[in-house]
Amino acid sequence: MELETMRPNPVWDADSYDDAVATFEALADDIVVKVWGGDWCKDCRSQLPDFGAALEAAGVENVEHYPVEKEDDGSKTGPEVEEYGIELIPTVVVEDVGTGEELARFVEDEDVPIAVYLAEQLA
């Protein structure tokens, strides 16, 4: 199932994020991007469309969506939530496509856009 919130923001300006797009473009064939989020989640709705646009601009096609639900106690449930220690969403993990090694991780409460934060970790 795909996250609706990962649909690229049509007014996102790739030129304003040249460095981030270039970093993802250089790695496009070598990474898998795993995205945990929920279409019901305010933070996901505000952050993921721009990230989807950045991935589209960079030509990154190897993107996996992991829809998350919130339980009454606030805990998150969904595919691979426990395996990856997902507590806040959106969470994005970038892995090496060949080895599965985690290269970078963004968690909801960072102060910069997802693409910028991950590009800085990957550069």
PDB file of N, CA and C in Angstrom:
ATOM      1  N   MET A   1       0.837  -1.182   0.000  1.00  0.00           N
ATOM      2  CA  MET A   1       0.000   0.000   0.000  1.00  0.00           C
ATOM      3  C   MET A   1       0.884   1.249   0.000  1.00  0.00           C
ATOM      4  N   GLU A   2       0.540   2.191  -0.852  1.00  0.00           N
ATOM      5  CA  GLU A   2       1.317   3.415  -0.939  1.00  0.00           C
ATOM      6  C   GLU A   2       0.735   4.488  -0.033  1.00  0.00           C
ATOM      7  N   LEU A   3       1.611   5.293   0.490  1.00  0.00           N
ATOM      8  CA  LEU A   3       1.187   6.427   1.304  1.00  0.00           C
ATOM      9  C   LEU A   3       0.760   7.563   0.385  1.00  0.00           C
ATOM     10  N   GLU A   4      -0.455   8.015   0.545  1.00  0.00           N
ATOM     11  CA  GLU A   4      -0.956   9.155  -0.219  1.00  0.00           C
ATOM     12  C   GLU A   4      -0.091  10.389   0.019  1.00  0.00           C
ATOM     13  N   THR A   5       0.413  10.515   1.226  1.00  0.00           N
ATOM     14  CA  THR A   5       1.216  11.687   1.584  1.00  0.00           C
ATOM     15  C   THR A   5       2.571  11.724   0.874  1.00  0.00           C
ATOM     16  N   MET A   6       2.984  10.624   0.241  1.00  0.00           N
ATOM     17  CA  MET A   6       4.243  10.621  -0.501  1.00  0.00           C
ATOM     18  C   MET A   6       4.072  11.109  -1.937  1.00  0.00           C
ATOM     19  N   ARG A   7       2.834  11.438  -2.323  1.00  0.00           N
ATOM     20  CA  ARG A   7       2.650  12.018  -3.661  1.00  0.00           C
ATOM     21  C   ARG A   7       3.410  13.334  -3.712  1.00  0.00           C
ATOM     22  N   PRO A   8       4.234  13.520  -4.745  1.00  0.00           N
ATOM     23  CA  PRO A   8       5.054  14.728  -4.818  1.00  0.00           C
ATOM     24  C   PRO A   8       4.240  16.018  -4.816  1.00  0.00           C
ATOM     25  N   ASN A   9       4.707  16.974  -4.041  1.00  0.00           N
ATOM     26  CA  ASN A   9       4.121  18.303  -3.995  1.00  0.00           C
ATOM     27  C   ASN A   9       4.374  18.959  -5.359  1.00  0.00           C
ATOM     28  N   PRO A  10       3.332  19.283  -6.117  1.00  0.00           N
ATOM     29  CA  PRO A  10       3.527  19.819  -7.470  1.00  0.00           C
ATOM     30  C   PRO A  10       4.147  21.213  -7.512  1.00  0.00           C
ATOM     31  N   VAL A  11       4.157  21.936  -6.419  1.00  0.00           N
ATOM     32  CA  VAL A  11       4.743  23.276  -6.420  1.00  0.00           C
ATOM     33  C   VAL A  11       6.093  23.327  -5.702  1.00  0.00           C
ATOM     34  N   TRP A  12       6.630  22.164  -5.342  1.00  0.00           N
ATOM     35  CA  TRP A  12       7.941  22.119  -4.694  1.00  0.00           C
ATOM     36  C   TRP A  12       8.994  22.585  -5.682  1.00  0.00           C
ATOM     37  N   ASP A  13       9.930  23.406  -5.240  1.00  0.00           N
ATOM     38  CA  ASP A  13      10.928  24.012  -6.111  1.00  0.00           C
ATOM     39  C   ASP A  13      12.270  23.299  -5.969  1.00  0.00           C
ATOM     40  N   ALA A  14      12.559  22.408  -6.914  1.00  0.00           N
ATOM     41  CA  ALA A  14      13.806  21.637  -6.865  1.00  0.00           C
ATOM     42  C   ALA A  14      15.036  22.534  -6.917  1.00  0.00           C
ATOM     43  N   ASP A  15      14.945  23.666  -7.629  1.00  0.00           N
ATOM     44  CA  ASP A  15      16.101  24.565  -7.736  1.00  0.00           C
ATOM     45  C   ASP A  15      16.529  25.118  -6.383  1.00  0.00           C
ATOM     46  N   SER A  16      15.611  25.197  -5.450  1.00  0.00           N
ATOM     47  CA  SER A  16      15.941  25.699  -4.118  1.00  0.00           C
ATOM     48  C   SER A  16      16.669  24.663  -3.273  1.00  0.00           C
ATOM     49  N   TYR A  17      16.707  23.434  -3.759  1.00  0.00           N
ATOM     50  CA  TYR A  17      17.327  22.334  -3.008  1.00  0.00           C
ATOM     51  C   TYR A  17      18.312  21.572  -3.888  1.00  0.00           C
ATOM     52  N   ASP A  18      19.089  22.306  -4.684  1.00  0.00           N
ATOM     53  CA  ASP A  18      20.036  21.693  -5.631  1.00  0.00           C
ATOM     54  C   ASP A  18      20.941  20.655  -4.989  1.00  0.00           C
ATOM     55  N   ASP A  19      21.528  20.993  -3.832  1.00  0.00           N
ATOM     56  CA  ASP A  19      22.490  20.092  -3.201  1.00  0.00           C
ATOM     57  C   ASP A  19      21.833  18.785  -2.775  1.00  0.00           C
ATOM     58  N   ALA A  20      20.656  18.875  -2.180  1.00  0.00           N
ATOM     59  CA  ALA A  20      19.959  17.668  -1.732  1.00  0.00           C
ATOM     60  C   ALA A  20      19.564  16.802  -2.924  1.00  0.00           C
ATOM     61  N   VAL A  21      19.023  17.424  -3.959  1.00  0.00           N
ATOM     62  CA  VAL A  21      18.618  16.671  -5.153  1.00  0.00           C
ATOM     63  C   VAL A  21      19.837  16.006  -5.787  1.00  0.00           C
ATOM     64  N   ALA A  22      20.938  16.729  -5.896  1.00  0.00           N
ATOM     65  CA  ALA A  22      22.161  16.176  -6.495  1.00  0.00           C
ATOM     66  C   ALA A  22      22.676  14.980  -5.701  1.00  0.00           C
ATOM     67  N   THR A  23      22.633  15.058  -4.380  1.00  0.00           N
ATOM     68  CA  THR A  23      23.090  13.944  -3.547  1.00  0.00           C
ATOM     69  C   THR A  23      22.239  12.705  -3.795  1.00  0.00           C
ATOM     70  N   PHE A  24      20.936  12.870  -3.789  1.00  0.00           N
ATOM     71  CA  PHE A  24      20.050  11.727  -4.043  1.00  0.00           C
ATOM     72  C   PHE A  24      20.190  11.213  -5.474  1.00  0.00           C
ATOM     73  N   GLU A  25      20.376  12.118  -6.416  1.00  0.00           N
ATOM     74  CA  GLU A  25      20.531  11.730  -7.820  1.00  0.00           C
ATOM     75  C   GLU A  25      21.767  10.844  -8.001  1.00  0.00           C
ATOM     76  N   ALA A  26      22.863  11.211  -7.337  1.00  0.00           N
ATOM     77  CA  ALA A  26      24.108  10.454  -7.438  1.00  0.00           C
ATOM     78  C   ALA A  26      23.974   9.047  -6.850  1.00  0.00           C
ATOM     79  N   LEU A  27      23.076   8.895  -5.883  1.00  0.00           N
ATOM     80  CA  LEU A  27      22.920   7.611  -5.195  1.00  0.00           C
ATOM     81  C   LEU A  27      21.684   6.832  -5.638  1.00  0.00           C
ATOM     82  N   ALA A  28      20.920   7.367  -6.566  1.00  0.00           N
ATOM     83  CA  ALA A  28      19.593   6.832  -6.904  1.00  0.00           C
ATOM     84  C   ALA A  28      19.569   5.329  -7.141  1.00  0.00           C
ATOM     85  N   ASP A  29      20.576   4.792  -7.819  1.00  0.00           N
ATOM     86  CA  ASP A  29      20.577   3.361  -8.133  1.00  0.00           C
ATOM     87  C   ASP A  29      21.151   2.503  -7.010  1.00  0.00           C
ATOM     88  N   ASP A  30      21.735   3.130  -6.008  1.00  0.00           N
ATOM     89  CA  ASP A  30      22.448   2.401  -4.962  1.00  0.00           C
ATOM     90  C   ASP A  30      21.729   2.364  -3.620  1.00  0.00           C
ATOM     91  N   ILE A  31      20.563   3.004  -3.541  1.00  0.00           N
ATOM     92  CA  ILE A  31      19.864   3.090  -2.256  1.00  0.00           C
ATOM     93  C   ILE A  31      18.418   2.619  -2.368  1.00  0.00           C
ATOM     94  N   VAL A  32      17.891   2.238  -1.220  1.00  0.00           N
ATOM     95  CA  VAL A  32      16.457   2.024  -1.059  1.00  0.00           C
ATOM     96  C   VAL A  32      16.014   2.974   0.049  1.00  0.00           C
ATOM     97  N   VAL A  33      14.916   3.665  -0.199  1.00  0.00           N
ATOM     98  CA  VAL A  33      14.387   4.632   0.759  1.00  0.00           C
ATOM     99  C   VAL A  33      13.127   4.027   1.364  1.00  0.00           C
ATOM    100  N   LYS A  34      13.139   3.846   2.671  1.00  0.00           N
ATOM    101  CA  LYS A  34      12.005   3.255   3.389  1.00  0.00           C
ATOM    102  C   LYS A  34      11.315   4.347   4.191  1.00  0.00           C
ATOM    103  N   VAL A  35      10.009   4.498   3.953  1.00  0.00           N
ATOM    104  CA  VAL A  35       9.252   5.606   4.553  1.00  0.00           C
ATOM    105  C   VAL A  35       8.127   5.049   5.420  1.00  0.00           C
ATOM    106  N   TRP A  36       8.169   5.379   6.722  1.00  0.00           N
ATOM    107  CA  TRP A  36       7.077   5.055   7.636  1.00  0.00           C
ATOM    108  C   TRP A  36       6.280   6.321   7.864  1.00  0.00           C
ATOM    109  N   GLY A  37       4.975   6.230   7.657  1.00  0.00           N
ATOM    110  CA  GLY A  37       4.126   7.395   7.853  1.00  0.00           C
ATOM    111  C   GLY A  37       2.670   6.983   7.877  1.00  0.00           C
ATOM    112  N   GLY A  38       1.827   7.970   8.058  1.00  0.00           N
ATOM    113  CA  GLY A  38       0.393   7.734   8.050  1.00  0.00           C
ATOM    114  C   GLY A  38      -0.310   8.899   7.388  1.00  0.00           C
ATOM    115  N   ASP A  39      -1.245   8.598   6.512  1.00  0.00           N
ATOM    116  CA  ASP A  39      -1.986   9.665   5.844  1.00  0.00           C
ATOM    117  C   ASP A  39      -2.823  10.462   6.843  1.00  0.00           C
ATOM    118  N   TRP A  40      -3.067   9.905   8.021  1.00  0.00           N
ATOM    119  CA  TRP A  40      -3.826  10.553   9.087  1.00  0.00           C
ATOM    120  C   TRP A  40      -2.949  11.519   9.899  1.00  0.00           C
ATOM    121  N   CYS A  41      -1.634  11.430   9.727  1.00  0.00           N
ATOM    122  CA  CYS A  41      -0.664  12.141  10.573  1.00  0.00           C
ATOM    123  C   CYS A  41      -0.376  13.546  10.040  1.00  0.00           C
ATOM    124  N   LYS A  42      -0.566  14.550  10.887  1.00  0.00           N
ATOM    125  CA  LYS A  42      -0.336  15.950  10.510  1.00  0.00           C
ATOM    126  C   LYS A  42       1.104  16.185  10.058  1.00  0.00           C
ATOM    127  N   ASP A  43       2.073  15.658  10.797  1.00  0.00           N
ATOM    128  CA  ASP A  43       3.479  15.855  10.432  1.00  0.00           C
ATOM    129  C   ASP A  43       3.799  15.199   9.088  1.00  0.00           C
ATOM    130  N   CYS A  44       3.232  14.030   8.844  1.00  0.00           N
ATOM    131  CA  CYS A  44       3.453  13.354   7.563  1.00  0.00           C
ATOM    132  C   CYS A  44       2.850  14.159   6.424  1.00  0.00           C
ATOM    133  N   ARG A  45       1.651  14.669   6.626  1.00  0.00           N
ATOM    134  CA  ARG A  45       0.985  15.457   5.584  1.00  0.00           C
ATOM    135  C   ARG A  45       1.755  16.735   5.272  1.00  0.00           C
ATOM    136  N   SER A  46       2.464  17.284   6.251  1.00  0.00           N
ATOM    137  CA  SER A  46       3.200  18.521   6.004  1.00  0.00           C
ATOM    138  C   SER A  46       4.614  18.271   5.458  1.00  0.00           C
ATOM    139  N   GLN A  47       5.222  17.113   5.754  1.00  0.00           N
ATOM    140  CA  GLN A  47       6.618  16.883   5.382  1.00  0.00           C
ATOM    141  C   GLN A  47       6.821  15.947   4.187  1.00  0.00           C
ATOM    142  N   LEU A  48       5.997  14.929   4.065  1.00  0.00           N
ATOM    143  CA  LEU A  48       6.256  13.904   3.055  1.00  0.00           C
ATOM    144  C   LEU A  48       6.020  14.345   1.607  1.00  0.00           C
ATOM    145  N   PRO A  49       5.029  15.203   1.298  1.00  0.00           N
ATOM    146  CA  PRO A  49       4.876  15.594  -0.107  1.00  0.00           C
ATOM    147  C   PRO A  49       6.124  16.283  -0.687  1.00  0.00           C
ATOM    148  N   ASP A  50       6.789  17.115   0.085  1.00  0.00           N
ATOM    149  CA  ASP A  50       8.020  17.749  -0.384  1.00  0.00           C
ATOM    150  C   ASP A  50       9.124  16.712  -0.562  1.00  0.00           C
ATOM    151  N   PHE A  51       9.199  15.748   0.342  1.00  0.00           N
ATOM    152  CA  PHE A  51      10.207  14.698   0.212  1.00  0.00           C
ATOM    153  C   PHE A  51       9.921  13.848  -1.023  1.00  0.00           C
ATOM    154  N   GLY A  52       8.662  13.535  -1.254  1.00  0.00           N
ATOM    155  CA  GLY A  52       8.290  12.793  -2.463  1.00  0.00           C
ATOM    156  C   GLY A  52       8.707  13.550  -3.715  1.00  0.00           C
ATOM    157  N   ALA A  53       8.542  14.869  -3.706  1.00  0.00           N
ATOM    158  CA  ALA A  53       8.950  15.696  -4.843  1.00  0.00           C
ATOM    159  C   ALA A  53      10.464  15.680  -5.018  1.00  0.00           C
ATOM    160  N   ALA A  54      11.197  15.698  -3.917  1.00  0.00           N
ATOM    161  CA  ALA A  54      12.663  15.652  -3.987  1.00  0.00           C
ATOM    162  C   ALA A  54      13.131  14.330  -4.583  1.00  0.00           C
ATOM    163  N   LEU A  55      12.534  13.233  -4.151  1.00  0.00           N
ATOM    164  CA  LEU A  55      12.904  11.927  -4.699  1.00  0.00           C
ATOM    165  C   LEU A  55      12.579  11.854  -6.184  1.00  0.00           C
ATOM    166  N   GLU A  56      11.434  12.392  -6.557  1.00  0.00           N
ATOM    167  CA  GLU A  56      11.046  12.405  -7.971  1.00  0.00           C
ATOM    168  C   GLU A  56      12.041  13.229  -8.786  1.00  0.00           C
ATOM    169  N   ALA A  57      12.412  14.408  -8.290  1.00  0.00           N
ATOM    170  CA  ALA A  57      13.363  15.273  -8.993  1.00  0.00           C
ATOM    171  C   ALA A  57      14.723  14.600  -9.161  1.00  0.00           C
ATOM    172  N   ALA A  58      15.105  13.773  -8.183  1.00  0.00           N
ATOM    173  CA  ALA A  58      16.398  13.097  -8.209  1.00  0.00           C
ATOM    174  C   ALA A  58      16.349  11.767  -8.967  1.00  0.00           C
ATOM    175  N   GLY A  59      15.168  11.330  -9.346  1.00  0.00           N
ATOM    176  CA  GLY A  59      15.047  10.070 -10.070  1.00  0.00           C
ATOM    177  C   GLY A  59      15.175   8.831  -9.193  1.00  0.00           C
ATOM    178  N   VAL A  60      14.916   8.982  -7.907  1.00  0.00           N
ATOM    179  CA  VAL A  60      14.971   7.834  -6.994  1.00  0.00           C
ATOM    180  C   VAL A  60      13.664   7.062  -7.125  1.00  0.00           C
ATOM    181  N   GLU A  61      13.772   5.812  -7.563  1.00  0.00           N
ATOM    182  CA  GLU A  61      12.578   5.002  -7.780  1.00  0.00           C
ATOM    183  C   GLU A  61      12.421   3.889  -6.758  1.00  0.00           C
ATOM    184  N   ASN A  62      13.491   3.552  -6.068  1.00  0.00           N
ATOM    185  CA  ASN A  62      13.453   2.445  -5.120  1.00  0.00           C
ATOM    186  C   ASN A  62      12.995   2.963  -3.756  1.00  0.00           C
ATOM    187  N   VAL A  63      11.669   3.168  -3.636  1.00  0.00           N
ATOM    188  CA  VAL A  63      11.063   3.728  -2.430  1.00  0.00           C
ATOM    189  C   VAL A  63      10.021   2.750  -1.915  1.00  0.00           C
ATOM    190  N   GLU A  64      10.127   2.408  -0.644  1.00  0.00           N
ATOM    191  CA  GLU A  64       9.171   1.497  -0.010  1.00  0.00           C
ATOM    192  C   GLU A  64       8.338   2.265   1.007  1.00  0.00           C
ATOM    193  N   HIS A  65       7.021   2.043   0.952  1.00  0.00           N
ATOM    194  CA  HIS A  65       6.087   2.731   1.855  1.00  0.00           C
ATOM    195  C   HIS A  65       5.643   1.761   2.950  1.00  0.00           C
ATOM    196  N   TYR A  66       5.644   2.245   4.185  1.00  0.00           N
ATOM    197  CA  TYR A  66       5.211   1.460   5.333  1.00  0.00           C
ATOM    198  C   TYR A  66       4.138   2.233   6.100  1.00  0.00           C
ATOM    199  N   PRO A  67       2.864   2.006   5.760  1.00  0.00           N
ATOM    200  CA  PRO A  67       1.785   2.710   6.453  1.00  0.00           C
ATOM    201  C   PRO A  67       1.723   2.322   7.929  1.00  0.00           C
ATOM    202  N   VAL A  68       1.584   3.319   8.772  1.00  0.00           N
ATOM    203  CA  VAL A  68       1.593   3.137  10.222  1.00  0.00           C
ATOM    204  C   VAL A  68       0.251   3.576  10.793  1.00  0.00           C
ATOM    205  N   GLU A  69      -0.199   2.855  11.788  1.00  0.00           N
ATOM    206  CA  GLU A  69      -1.409   3.221  12.532  1.00  0.00           C
ATOM    207  C   GLU A  69      -1.009   3.572  13.957  1.00  0.00           C
ATOM    208  N   LYS A  70      -1.837   4.360  14.604  1.00  0.00           N
ATOM    209  CA  LYS A  70      -1.575   4.779  15.979  1.00  0.00           C
ATOM    210  C   LYS A  70      -2.566   4.072  16.893  1.00  0.00           C
ATOM    211  N   GLU A  71      -2.048   3.418  17.911  1.00  0.00           N
ATOM    212  CA  GLU A  71      -2.885   2.735  18.888  1.00  0.00           C
ATOM    213  C   GLU A  71      -3.394   3.730  19.926  1.00  0.00           C
ATOM    214  N   ASP A  72      -4.378   3.329  20.716  1.00  0.00           N
ATOM    215  CA  ASP A  72      -4.954   4.202  21.746  1.00  0.00           C
ATOM    216  C   ASP A  72      -3.911   4.702  22.744  1.00  0.00           C
ATOM    217  N   ASP A  73      -2.883   3.899  22.997  1.00  0.00           N
ATOM    218  CA  ASP A  73      -1.845   4.306  23.948  1.00  0.00           C
ATOM    219  C   ASP A  73      -0.748   5.166  23.303  1.00  0.00           C
ATOM    220  N   GLY A  74      -0.920   5.481  22.008  1.00  0.00           N
ATOM    221  CA  GLY A  74       0.047   6.317  21.303  1.00  0.00           C
ATOM    222  C   GLY A  74       1.124   5.548  20.581  1.00  0.00           C
ATOM    223  N   SER A  75       1.236   4.248  20.850  1.00  0.00           N
ATOM    224  CA  SER A  75       2.254   3.452  20.177  1.00  0.00           C
ATOM    225  C   SER A  75       1.888   3.277  18.706  1.00  0.00           C
ATOM    226  N   LYS A  76       2.885   2.987  17.889  1.00  0.00           N
ATOM    227  CA  LYS A  76       2.688   2.833  16.452  1.00  0.00           C
ATOM    228  C   LYS A  76       2.722   1.353  16.086  1.00  0.00           C
ATOM    229  N   THR A  77       1.863   0.973  15.147  1.00  0.00           N
ATOM    230  CA  THR A  77       1.857  -0.386  14.630  1.00  0.00           C
ATOM    231  C   THR A  77       1.884  -0.330  13.117  1.00  0.00           C
ATOM    232  N   GLY A  78       2.476  -1.341  12.529  1.00  0.00           N
ATOM    233  CA  GLY A  78       2.545  -1.426  11.079  1.00  0.00           C
ATOM    234  C   GLY A  78       3.720  -2.278  10.665  1.00  0.00           C
ATOM    235  N   PRO A  79       3.916  -2.427   9.356  1.00  0.00           N
ATOM    236  CA  PRO A  79       4.991  -3.270   8.843  1.00  0.00           C
ATOM    237  C   PRO A  79       6.369  -2.806   9.318  1.00  0.00           C
ATOM    238  N   GLU A  80       7.104  -3.726   9.883  1.00  0.00           N
ATOM    239  CA  GLU A  80       8.498  -3.536  10.308  1.00  0.00           C
ATOM    240  C   GLU A  80       8.716  -2.399  11.307  1.00  0.00           C
ATOM    241  N   VAL A  81       7.653  -1.979  11.987  1.00  0.00           N
ATOM    242  CA  VAL A  81       7.767  -0.922  13.001  1.00  0.00           C
ATOM    243  C   VAL A  81       8.698  -1.366  14.128  1.00  0.00           C
ATOM    244  N   GLU A  82       8.488  -2.576  14.626  1.00  0.00           N
ATOM    245  CA  GLU A  82       9.340  -3.061  15.726  1.00  0.00           C
ATOM    246  C   GLU A  82      10.765  -3.308  15.262  1.00  0.00           C
ATOM    247  N   GLU A  83      10.927  -3.916  14.089  1.00  0.00           N
ATOM    248  CA  GLU A  83      12.255  -4.240  13.585  1.00  0.00           C
ATOM    249  C   GLU A  83      13.130  -2.997  13.422  1.00  0.00           C
ATOM    250  N   TYR A  84      12.518  -1.880  13.062  1.00  0.00           N
ATOM    251  CA  TYR A  84      13.260  -0.643  12.832  1.00  0.00           C
ATOM    252  C   TYR A  84      13.153   0.354  13.984  1.00  0.00           C
ATOM    253  N   GLY A  85      12.454  -0.013  15.040  1.00  0.00           N
ATOM    254  CA  GLY A  85      12.355   0.864  16.206  1.00  0.00           C
ATOM    255  C   GLY A  85      11.617   2.163  15.913  1.00  0.00           C
ATOM    256  N   ILE A  86      10.555   2.085  15.142  1.00  0.00           N
ATOM    257  CA  ILE A  86       9.809   3.284  14.749  1.00  0.00           C
ATOM    258  C   ILE A  86       8.913   3.722  15.909  1.00  0.00           C
ATOM    259  N   GLU A  87       9.130   4.932  16.394  1.00  0.00           N
ATOM    260  CA  GLU A  87       8.314   5.504  17.462  1.00  0.00           C
ATOM    261  C   GLU A  87       7.597   6.771  17.023  1.00  0.00           C
ATOM    262  N   LEU A  88       8.233   7.545  16.140  1.00  0.00           N
ATOM    263  CA  LEU A  88       7.658   8.786  15.629  1.00  0.00           C
ATOM    264  C   LEU A  88       7.570   8.703  14.110  1.00  0.00           C
ATOM    265  N   ILE A  89       6.543   9.355  13.564  1.00  0.00           N
ATOM    266  CA  ILE A  89       6.443   9.405  12.104  1.00  0.00           C
ATOM    267  C   ILE A  89       6.260  10.844  11.664  1.00  0.00           C
ATOM    268  N   PRO A  90       6.779  11.193  10.493  1.00  0.00           N
ATOM    269  CA  PRO A  90       7.440  10.295   9.566  1.00  0.00           C
ATOM    270  C   PRO A  90       8.847   9.910  10.046  1.00  0.00           C
ATOM    271  N   THR A  91       9.209   8.686   9.718  1.00  0.00           N
ATOM    272  CA  THR A  91      10.582   8.221   9.842  1.00  0.00           C
ATOM    273  C   THR A  91      10.987   7.706   8.472  1.00  0.00           C
ATOM    274  N   VAL A  92      12.179   8.092   8.032  1.00  0.00           N
ATOM    275  CA  VAL A  92      12.700   7.663   6.742  1.00  0.00           C
ATOM    276  C   VAL A  92      14.074   7.056   6.972  1.00  0.00           C
ATOM    277  N   VAL A  93      14.280   5.851   6.449  1.00  0.00           N
ATOM    278  CA  VAL A  93      15.558   5.170   6.551  1.00  0.00           C
ATOM    279  C   VAL A  93      16.088   4.950   5.135  1.00  0.00           C
ATOM    280  N   VAL A  94      17.334   5.329   4.912  1.00  0.00           N
ATOM    281  CA  VAL A  94      17.988   5.098   3.626  1.00  0.00           C
ATOM    282  C   VAL A  94      18.987   3.967   3.833  1.00  0.00           C
ATOM    283  N   GLU A  95      18.861   2.939   2.996  1.00  0.00           N
ATOM    284  CA  GLU A  95      19.745   1.780   3.093  1.00  0.00           C
ATOM    285  C   GLU A  95      20.484   1.556   1.787  1.00  0.00           C
ATOM    286  N   ASP A  96      21.645   0.924   1.894  1.00  0.00           N
ATOM    287  CA  ASP A  96      22.390   0.482   0.726  1.00  0.00           C
ATOM    288  C   ASP A  96      21.596  -0.653   0.086  1.00  0.00           C
ATOM    289  N   VAL A  97      21.309  -0.544  -1.193  1.00  0.00           N
ATOM    290  CA  VAL A  97      20.458  -1.522  -1.859  1.00  0.00           C
ATOM    291  C   VAL A  97      21.108  -2.911  -1.890  1.00  0.00           C
ATOM    292  N   GLY A  98      22.432  -2.971  -1.915  1.00  0.00           N
ATOM    293  CA  GLY A  98      23.116  -4.259  -1.989  1.00  0.00           C
ATOM    294  C   GLY A  98      23.289  -4.948  -0.651  1.00  0.00           C
ATOM    295  N   THR A  99      23.645  -4.181   0.371  1.00  0.00           N
ATOM    296  CA  THR A  99      23.974  -4.780   1.662  1.00  0.00           C
ATOM    297  C   THR A  99      22.860  -4.662   2.697  1.00  0.00           C
ATOM    298  N   GLY A 100      21.940  -3.730   2.484  1.00  0.00           N
ATOM    299  CA  GLY A 100      20.904  -3.481   3.485  1.00  0.00           C
ATOM    300  C   GLY A 100      21.389  -2.650   4.649  1.00  0.00           C
ATOM    301  N   GLU A 101      22.632  -2.169   4.580  1.00  0.00           N
ATOM    302  CA  GLU A 101      23.188  -1.342   5.657  1.00  0.00           C
ATOM    303  C   GLU A 101      22.472   0.001   5.713  1.00  0.00           C
ATOM    304  N   GLU A 102      22.110   0.419   6.925  1.00  0.00           N
ATOM    305  CA  GLU A 102      21.480   1.723   7.104  1.00  0.00           C
ATOM    306  C   GLU A 102      22.521   2.816   6.917  1.00  0.00           C
ATOM    307  N   LEU A 103      22.233   3.740   5.994  1.00  0.00           N
ATOM    308  CA  LEU A 103      23.147   4.832   5.683  1.00  0.00           C
ATOM    309  C   LEU A 103      22.733   6.143   6.331  1.00  0.00           C
ATOM    310  N   ALA A 104      21.423   6.334   6.516  1.00  0.00           N
ATOM    311  CA  ALA A 104      20.919   7.587   7.083  1.00  0.00           C
ATOM    312  C   ALA A 104      19.511   7.360   7.605  1.00  0.00           C
ATOM    313  N   ARG A 105      19.111   8.192   8.587  1.00  0.00           N
ATOM    314  CA  ARG A 105      17.773   8.098   9.167  1.00  0.00           C
ATOM    315  C   ARG A 105      17.276   9.488   9.532  1.00  0.00           C
ATOM    316  N   PHE A 106      16.044   9.781   9.139  1.00  0.00           N
ATOM    317  CA  PHE A 106      15.345  11.004   9.519  1.00  0.00           C
ATOM    318  C   PHE A 106      14.190  10.602  10.425  1.00  0.00           C
ATOM    319  N   VAL A 107      14.032  11.325  11.530  1.00  0.00           N
ATOM    320  CA  VAL A 107      12.901  11.106  12.431  1.00  0.00           C
ATOM    321  C   VAL A 107      12.160  12.429  12.564  1.00  0.00           C
ATOM    322  N   GLU A 108      10.880  12.371  12.589  1.00  0.00           N
ATOM    323  CA  GLU A 108       9.904  13.461  12.594  1.00  0.00           C
ATOM    324  C   GLU A 108      10.368  14.822  13.094  1.00  0.00           C
ATOM    325  N   ASP A 109      11.083  14.888  14.172  1.00  0.00           N
ATOM    326  CA  ASP A 109      11.281  16.163  14.854  1.00  0.00           C
ATOM    327  C   ASP A 109      12.575  16.902  14.506  1.00  0.00           C
ATOM    328  N   GLU A 110      13.184  16.596  13.358  1.00  0.00           N
ATOM    329  CA  GLU A 110      14.379  17.346  12.936  1.00  0.00           C
ATOM    330  C   GLU A 110      13.961  18.748  12.502  1.00  0.00           C
ATOM    331  N   ASP A 111      14.922  19.673  12.505  1.00  0.00           N
ATOM    332  CA  ASP A 111      14.627  21.079  12.221  1.00  0.00           C
ATOM    333  C   ASP A 111      14.726  21.463  10.750  1.00  0.00           C
ATOM    334  N   VAL A 112      15.123  20.545   9.885  1.00  0.00           N
ATOM    335  CA  VAL A 112      15.260  20.842   8.456  1.00  0.00           C
ATOM    336  C   VAL A 112      14.424  19.856   7.654  1.00  0.00           C
ATOM    337  N   PRO A 113      14.126  20.179   6.381  1.00  0.00           N
ATOM    338  CA  PRO A 113      13.347  19.261   5.557  1.00  0.00           C
ATOM    339  C   PRO A 113      14.011  17.884   5.433  1.00  0.00           C
ATOM    340  N   ILE A 114      13.190  16.885   5.214  1.00  0.00           N
ATOM    341  CA  ILE A 114      13.676  15.497   5.161  1.00  0.00           C
ATOM    342  C   ILE A 114      14.800  15.344   4.142  1.00  0.00           C
ATOM    343  N   ALA A 115      14.602  15.823   2.919  1.00  0.00           N
ATOM    344  CA  ALA A 115      15.614  15.651   1.872  1.00  0.00           C
ATOM    345  C   ALA A 115      16.932  16.299   2.250  1.00  0.00           C
ATOM    346  N   VAL A 116      16.887  17.477   2.840  1.00  0.00           N
ATOM    347  CA  VAL A 116      18.094  18.195   3.241  1.00  0.00           C
ATOM    348  C   VAL A 116      18.815  17.434   4.349  1.00  0.00           C
ATOM    349  N   TYR A 117      18.068  17.000   5.354  1.00  0.00           N
ATOM    350  CA  TYR A 117      18.655  16.285   6.482  1.00  0.00           C
ATOM    351  C   TYR A 117      19.350  15.002   6.020  1.00  0.00           C
ATOM    352  N   LEU A 118      18.648  14.217   5.200  1.00  0.00           N
ATOM    353  CA  LEU A 118      19.227  12.947   4.736  1.00  0.00           C
ATOM    354  C   LEU A 118      20.402  13.185   3.802  1.00  0.00           C
ATOM    355  N   ALA A 119      20.299  14.173   2.927  1.00  0.00           N
ATOM    356  CA  ALA A 119      21.407  14.468   1.995  1.00  0.00           C
ATOM    357  C   ALA A 119      22.666  14.841   2.767  1.00  0.00           C
ATOM    358  N   GLU A 120      22.503  15.598   3.849  1.00  0.00           N
ATOM    359  CA  GLU A 120      23.675  15.958   4.661  1.00  0.00           C
ATOM    360  C   GLU A 120      24.309  14.717   5.279  1.00  0.00           C
ATOM    361  N   GLN A 121      23.504  13.746   5.704  1.00  0.00           N
ATOM    362  CA  GLN A 121      24.034  12.510   6.277  1.00  0.00           C
ATOM    363  C   GLN A 121      24.699  11.642   5.206  1.00  0.00           C
ATOM    364  N   LEU A 122      24.165  11.688   3.993  1.00  0.00           N
ATOM    365  CA  LEU A 122      24.663  10.830   2.923  1.00  0.00           C
ATOM    366  C   LEU A 122      25.876  11.410   2.208  1.00  0.00           C
ATOM    367  N   ALA A 123      26.071  12.723   2.306  1.00  0.00           N
ATOM    368  CA  ALA A 123      27.169  13.377   1.562  1.00  0.00           C
ATOM    369  C   ALA A 123      28.531  12.995   2.109  1.00  0.00           C
TER     370      ALA A 123
END
